[in-house]
Amino acid sequence: MEKKLKKSSRNKMIFGVCGGIAEYFEVDPTIVRIITAVLIVAYGAGLLLYLIAALIMPSDS
């Protein structure tokens, strides 16, 4: 079975992007959320990348 990157409906906090990435790479969603928060605070570009991912990633439902 082929893995596909999709937004998660089970590990959803805001849009489900971090949960979907965590499911794809089979890691804890908290780790992905912490990395995303650090990128947003440190560089600011993380927010833009998150919003773009929220728009283009399909939902798993």
PDB file of N, CA and C in Angstrom:
ATOM      1  N   MET A   1       0.834  -1.185   0.000  1.00  0.00           N
ATOM      2  CA  MET A   1       0.000   0.000   0.000  1.00  0.00           C
ATOM      3  C   MET A   1       0.876   1.245   0.000  1.00  0.00           C
ATOM      4  N   GLU A   2       0.532   2.176  -0.816  1.00  0.00           N
ATOM      5  CA  GLU A   2       1.288   3.402  -0.965  1.00  0.00           C
ATOM      6  C   GLU A   2       0.854   4.445   0.070  1.00  0.00           C
ATOM      7  N   LYS A   3       1.855   5.053   0.752  1.00  0.00           N
ATOM      8  CA  LYS A   3       1.539   6.089   1.732  1.00  0.00           C
ATOM      9  C   LYS A   3       1.315   7.408   1.010  1.00  0.00           C
ATOM     10  N   LYS A   4       0.340   8.173   1.477  1.00  0.00           N
ATOM     11  CA  LYS A   4       0.069   9.492   0.919  1.00  0.00           C
ATOM     12  C   LYS A   4       0.008  10.510   2.045  1.00  0.00           C
ATOM     13  N   LEU A   5       0.548  11.678   1.783  1.00  0.00           N
ATOM     14  CA  LEU A   5       0.552  12.757   2.765  1.00  0.00           C
ATOM     15  C   LEU A   5      -0.797  13.457   2.731  1.00  0.00           C
ATOM     16  N   LYS A   6      -1.527  13.361   3.855  1.00  0.00           N
ATOM     17  CA  LYS A   6      -2.849  13.975   3.972  1.00  0.00           C
ATOM     18  C   LYS A   6      -3.004  14.608   5.346  1.00  0.00           C
ATOM     19  N   LYS A   7      -3.896  15.595   5.436  1.00  0.00           N
ATOM     20  CA  LYS A   7      -4.204  16.176   6.734  1.00  0.00           C
ATOM     21  C   LYS A   7      -4.923  15.138   7.580  1.00  0.00           C
ATOM     22  N   SER A   8      -4.632  15.131   8.862  1.00  0.00           N
ATOM     23  CA  SER A   8      -5.233  14.159   9.766  1.00  0.00           C
ATOM     24  C   SER A   8      -6.515  14.701  10.378  1.00  0.00           C
ATOM     25  N   SER A   9      -7.509  13.835  10.489  1.00  0.00           N
ATOM     26  CA  SER A   9      -8.729  14.229  11.192  1.00  0.00           C
ATOM     27  C   SER A   9      -8.698  13.699  12.624  1.00  0.00           C
ATOM     28  N   ARG A  10      -7.811  12.736  12.917  1.00  0.00           N
ATOM     29  CA  ARG A  10      -7.702  12.173  14.263  1.00  0.00           C
ATOM     30  C   ARG A  10      -6.738  12.979  15.142  1.00  0.00           C
ATOM     31  N   ASN A  11      -5.619  13.416  14.597  1.00  0.00           N
ATOM     32  CA  ASN A  11      -4.615  14.188  15.350  1.00  0.00           C
ATOM     33  C   ASN A  11      -4.684  15.650  14.953  1.00  0.00           C
ATOM     34  N   LYS A  12      -5.849  16.214  15.021  1.00  0.00           N
ATOM     35  CA  LYS A  12      -6.088  17.570  14.535  1.00  0.00           C
ATOM     36  C   LYS A  12      -6.080  18.572  15.685  1.00  0.00           C
ATOM     37  N   MET A  13      -5.291  19.631  15.548  1.00  0.00           N
ATOM     38  CA  MET A  13      -5.334  20.733  16.506  1.00  0.00           C
ATOM     39  C   MET A  13      -5.939  21.971  15.819  1.00  0.00           C
ATOM     40  N   ILE A  14      -5.356  22.379  14.714  1.00  0.00           N
ATOM     41  CA  ILE A  14      -5.890  23.521  13.976  1.00  0.00           C
ATOM     42  C   ILE A  14      -6.419  23.044  12.622  1.00  0.00           C
ATOM     43  N   PHE A  15      -5.513  22.685  11.711  1.00  0.00           N
ATOM     44  CA  PHE A  15      -5.921  22.200  10.397  1.00  0.00           C
ATOM     45  C   PHE A  15      -5.611  20.717  10.190  1.00  0.00           C
ATOM     46  N   GLY A  16      -4.813  20.123  11.043  1.00  0.00           N
ATOM     47  CA  GLY A  16      -4.454  18.723  10.900  1.00  0.00           C
ATOM     48  C   GLY A  16      -3.175  18.484  10.120  1.00  0.00           C
ATOM     49  N   VAL A  17      -2.463  19.558   9.794  1.00  0.00           N
ATOM     50  CA  VAL A  17      -1.237  19.437   9.005  1.00  0.00           C
ATOM     51  C   VAL A  17      -0.159  18.691   9.781  1.00  0.00           C
ATOM     52  N   CYS A  18       0.119  19.098  10.997  1.00  0.00           N
ATOM     53  CA  CYS A  18       1.169  18.448  11.798  1.00  0.00           C
ATOM     54  C   CYS A  18       0.806  16.994  12.094  1.00  0.00           C
ATOM     55  N   GLY A  19      -0.448  16.727  12.360  1.00  0.00           N
ATOM     56  CA  GLY A  19      -0.882  15.356  12.597  1.00  0.00           C
ATOM     57  C   GLY A  19      -0.720  14.494  11.361  1.00  0.00           C
ATOM     58  N   GLY A  20      -1.003  15.049  10.200  1.00  0.00           N
ATOM     59  CA  GLY A  20      -0.842  14.314   8.948  1.00  0.00           C
ATOM     60  C   GLY A  20       0.614  14.028   8.640  1.00  0.00           C
ATOM     61  N   ILE A  21       1.476  15.001   8.894  1.00  0.00           N
ATOM     62  CA  ILE A  21       2.914  14.802   8.687  1.00  0.00           C
ATOM     63  C   ILE A  21       3.432  13.740   9.651  1.00  0.00           C
ATOM     64  N   ALA A  22       2.965  13.780  10.890  1.00  0.00           N
ATOM     65  CA  ALA A  22       3.388  12.792  11.884  1.00  0.00           C
ATOM     66  C   ALA A  22       2.932  11.389  11.502  1.00  0.00           C
ATOM     67  N   GLU A  23       1.723  11.256  11.007  1.00  0.00           N
ATOM     68  CA  GLU A  23       1.232   9.942  10.570  1.00  0.00           C
ATOM     69  C   GLU A  23       2.027   9.436   9.370  1.00  0.00           C
ATOM     70  N   TYR A  24       2.388  10.331   8.455  1.00  0.00           N
ATOM     71  CA  TYR A  24       3.140   9.939   7.269  1.00  0.00           C
ATOM     72  C   TYR A  24       4.527   9.406   7.628  1.00  0.00           C
ATOM     73  N   PHE A  25       5.216  10.100   8.547  1.00  0.00           N
ATOM     74  CA  PHE A  25       6.562   9.699   8.953  1.00  0.00           C
ATOM     75  C   PHE A  25       6.565   8.758  10.159  1.00  0.00           C
ATOM     76  N   GLU A  26       5.373   8.417  10.680  1.00  0.00           N
ATOM     77  CA  GLU A  26       5.212   7.507  11.807  1.00  0.00           C
ATOM     78  C   GLU A  26       5.995   7.969  13.044  1.00  0.00           C
ATOM     79  N   VAL A  27       5.795   9.234  13.413  1.00  0.00           N
ATOM     80  CA  VAL A  27       6.379   9.810  14.625  1.00  0.00           C
ATOM     81  C   VAL A  27       5.256  10.409  15.466  1.00  0.00           C
ATOM     82  N   ASP A  28       5.595  10.803  16.677  1.00  0.00           N
ATOM     83  CA  ASP A  28       4.618  11.413  17.579  1.00  0.00           C
ATOM     84  C   ASP A  28       4.233  12.808  17.059  1.00  0.00           C
ATOM     85  N   PRO A  29       2.944  13.127  16.997  1.00  0.00           N
ATOM     86  CA  PRO A  29       2.525  14.443  16.503  1.00  0.00           C
ATOM     87  C   PRO A  29       3.059  15.609  17.344  1.00  0.00           C
ATOM     88  N   THR A  30       3.316  15.360  18.611  1.00  0.00           N
ATOM     89  CA  THR A  30       3.846  16.423  19.470  1.00  0.00           C
ATOM     90  C   THR A  30       5.210  16.897  18.989  1.00  0.00           C
ATOM     91  N   ILE A  31       6.025  15.976  18.514  1.00  0.00           N
ATOM     92  CA  ILE A  31       7.355  16.337  18.015  1.00  0.00           C
ATOM     93  C   ILE A  31       7.225  17.246  16.795  1.00  0.00           C
ATOM     94  N   VAL A  32       6.327  16.904  15.881  1.00  0.00           N
ATOM     95  CA  VAL A  32       6.125  17.718  14.686  1.00  0.00           C
ATOM     96  C   VAL A  32       5.585  19.092  15.069  1.00  0.00           C
ATOM     97  N   ARG A  33       4.694  19.142  16.041  1.00  0.00           N
ATOM     98  CA  ARG A  33       4.143  20.433  16.486  1.00  0.00           C
ATOM     99  C   ARG A  33       5.211  21.311  17.130  1.00  0.00           C
ATOM    100  N   ILE A  34       6.097  20.715  17.914  1.00  0.00           N
ATOM    101  CA  ILE A  34       7.181  21.483  18.541  1.00  0.00           C
ATOM    102  C   ILE A  34       8.117  22.036  17.478  1.00  0.00           C
ATOM    103  N   ILE A  35       8.484  21.215  16.498  1.00  0.00           N
ATOM    104  CA  ILE A  35       9.358  21.677  15.411  1.00  0.00           C
ATOM    105  C   ILE A  35       8.693  22.812  14.645  1.00  0.00           C
ATOM    106  N   THR A  36       7.398  22.680  14.373  1.00  0.00           N
ATOM    107  CA  THR A  36       6.667  23.732  13.672  1.00  0.00           C
ATOM    108  C   THR A  36       6.638  25.020  14.488  1.00  0.00           C
ATOM    109  N   ALA A  37       6.404  24.914  15.783  1.00  0.00           N
ATOM    110  CA  ALA A  37       6.371  26.103  16.646  1.00  0.00           C
ATOM    111  C   ALA A  37       7.737  26.791  16.686  1.00  0.00           C
ATOM    112  N   VAL A  38       8.802  26.010  16.750  1.00  0.00           N
ATOM    113  CA  VAL A  38      10.155  26.590  16.755  1.00  0.00           C
ATOM    114  C   VAL A  38      10.418  27.312  15.440  1.00  0.00           C
ATOM    115  N   LEU A  39      10.030  26.715  14.321  1.00  0.00           N
ATOM    116  CA  LEU A  39      10.228  27.364  13.025  1.00  0.00           C
ATOM    117  C   LEU A  39       9.430  28.660  12.912  1.00  0.00           C
ATOM    118  N   ILE A  40       8.225  28.662  13.461  1.00  0.00           N
ATOM    119  CA  ILE A  40       7.403  29.872  13.409  1.00  0.00           C
ATOM    120  C   ILE A  40       8.022  30.980  14.252  1.00  0.00           C
ATOM    121  N   VAL A  41       8.451  30.647  15.467  1.00  0.00           N
ATOM    122  CA  VAL A  41       9.012  31.661  16.368  1.00  0.00           C
ATOM    123  C   VAL A  41      10.387  32.133  15.894  1.00  0.00           C
ATOM    124  N   ALA A  42      11.225  31.198  15.460  1.00  0.00           N
ATOM    125  CA  ALA A  42      12.605  31.543  15.118  1.00  0.00           C
ATOM    126  C   ALA A  42      12.717  32.238  13.763  1.00  0.00           C
ATOM    127  N   TYR A  43      11.984  31.753  12.781  1.00  0.00           N
ATOM    128  CA  TYR A  43      12.190  32.262  11.422  1.00  0.00           C
ATOM    129  C   TYR A  43      10.986  32.967  10.827  1.00  0.00           C
ATOM    130  N   GLY A  44       9.803  32.701  11.322  1.00  0.00           N
ATOM    131  CA  GLY A  44       8.602  33.325  10.786  1.00  0.00           C
ATOM    132  C   GLY A  44       8.092  32.678   9.517  1.00  0.00           C
ATOM    133  N   ALA A  45       8.965  32.030   8.774  1.00  0.00           N
ATOM    134  CA  ALA A  45       8.559  31.374   7.533  1.00  0.00           C
ATOM    135  C   ALA A  45       7.768  30.107   7.814  1.00  0.00           C
ATOM    136  N   GLY A  46       7.901  29.565   9.004  1.00  0.00           N
ATOM    137  CA  GLY A  46       7.167  28.360   9.356  1.00  0.00           C
ATOM    138  C   GLY A  46       5.670  28.566   9.277  1.00  0.00           C
ATOM    139  N   LEU A  47       5.195  29.731   9.640  1.00  0.00           N
ATOM    140  CA  LEU A  47       3.761  30.034   9.570  1.00  0.00           C
ATOM    141  C   LEU A  47       3.290  30.038   8.123  1.00  0.00           C
ATOM    142  N   LEU A  48       4.064  30.632   7.249  1.00  0.00           N
ATOM    143  CA  LEU A  48       3.711  30.660   5.834  1.00  0.00           C
ATOM    144  C   LEU A  48       3.693  29.243   5.260  1.00  0.00           C
ATOM    145  N   LEU A  49       4.691  28.436   5.593  1.00  0.00           N
ATOM    146  CA  LEU A  49       4.735  27.053   5.118  1.00  0.00           C
ATOM    147  C   LEU A  49       3.562  26.243   5.651  1.00  0.00           C
ATOM    148  N   TYR A  50       3.204  26.467   6.915  1.00  0.00           N
ATOM    149  CA  TYR A  50       2.071  25.764   7.512  1.00  0.00           C
ATOM    150  C   TYR A  50       0.772  26.122   6.791  1.00  0.00           C
ATOM    151  N   LEU A  51       0.565  27.389   6.527  1.00  0.00           N
ATOM    152  CA  LEU A  51      -0.663  27.826   5.854  1.00  0.00           C
ATOM    153  C   LEU A  51      -0.742  27.306   4.431  1.00  0.00           C
ATOM    154  N   ILE A  52       0.388  27.290   3.731  1.00  0.00           N
ATOM    155  CA  ILE A  52       0.409  26.739   2.376  1.00  0.00           C
ATOM    156  C   ILE A  52       0.078  25.252   2.414  1.00  0.00           C
ATOM    157  N   ALA A  53       0.670  24.529   3.367  1.00  0.00           N
ATOM    158  CA  ALA A  53       0.391  23.095   3.500  1.00  0.00           C
ATOM    159  C   ALA A  53      -1.080  22.858   3.829  1.00  0.00           C
ATOM    160  N   ALA A  54      -1.668  23.716   4.660  1.00  0.00           N
ATOM    161  CA  ALA A  54      -3.075  23.569   5.012  1.00  0.00           C
ATOM    162  C   ALA A  54      -3.979  23.751   3.798  1.00  0.00           C
ATOM    163  N   LEU A  55      -3.547  24.569   2.870  1.00  0.00           N
ATOM    164  CA  LEU A  55      -4.353  24.806   1.674  1.00  0.00           C
ATOM    165  C   LEU A  55      -4.201  23.703   0.628  1.00  0.00           C
ATOM    166  N   ILE A  56      -2.998  23.137   0.491  1.00  0.00           N
ATOM    167  CA  ILE A  56      -2.785  22.206  -0.631  1.00  0.00           C
ATOM    168  C   ILE A  56      -2.872  20.728  -0.222  1.00  0.00           C
ATOM    169  N   MET A  57      -2.734  20.410   1.065  1.00  0.00           N
ATOM    170  CA  MET A  57      -2.817  19.001   1.481  1.00  0.00           C
ATOM    171  C   MET A  57      -4.268  18.536   1.495  1.00  0.00           C
ATOM    172  N   PRO A  58      -4.542  17.383   0.889  1.00  0.00           N
ATOM    173  CA  PRO A  58      -5.918  16.869   0.934  1.00  0.00           C
ATOM    174  C   PRO A  58      -6.256  16.326   2.313  1.00  0.00           C
ATOM    175  N   SER A  59      -7.522  16.276   2.629  1.00  0.00           N
ATOM    176  CA  SER A  59      -7.995  15.735   3.900  1.00  0.00           C
ATOM    177  C   SER A  59      -8.106  14.222   3.799  1.00  0.00           C
ATOM    178  N   ASP A  60      -7.959  13.524   4.938  1.00  0.00           N
ATOM    179  CA  ASP A  60      -8.042  12.062   4.918  1.00  0.00           C
ATOM    180  C   ASP A  60      -9.471  11.542   5.011  1.00  0.00           C
ATOM    181  N   SER A  61     -10.428  12.420   5.178  1.00  0.00           N
ATOM    182  CA  SER A  61     -11.814  11.950   5.284  1.00  0.00           C
ATOM    183  C   SER A  61     -12.508  11.896   3.942  1.00  0.00           C
TER     184      SER A  61
END
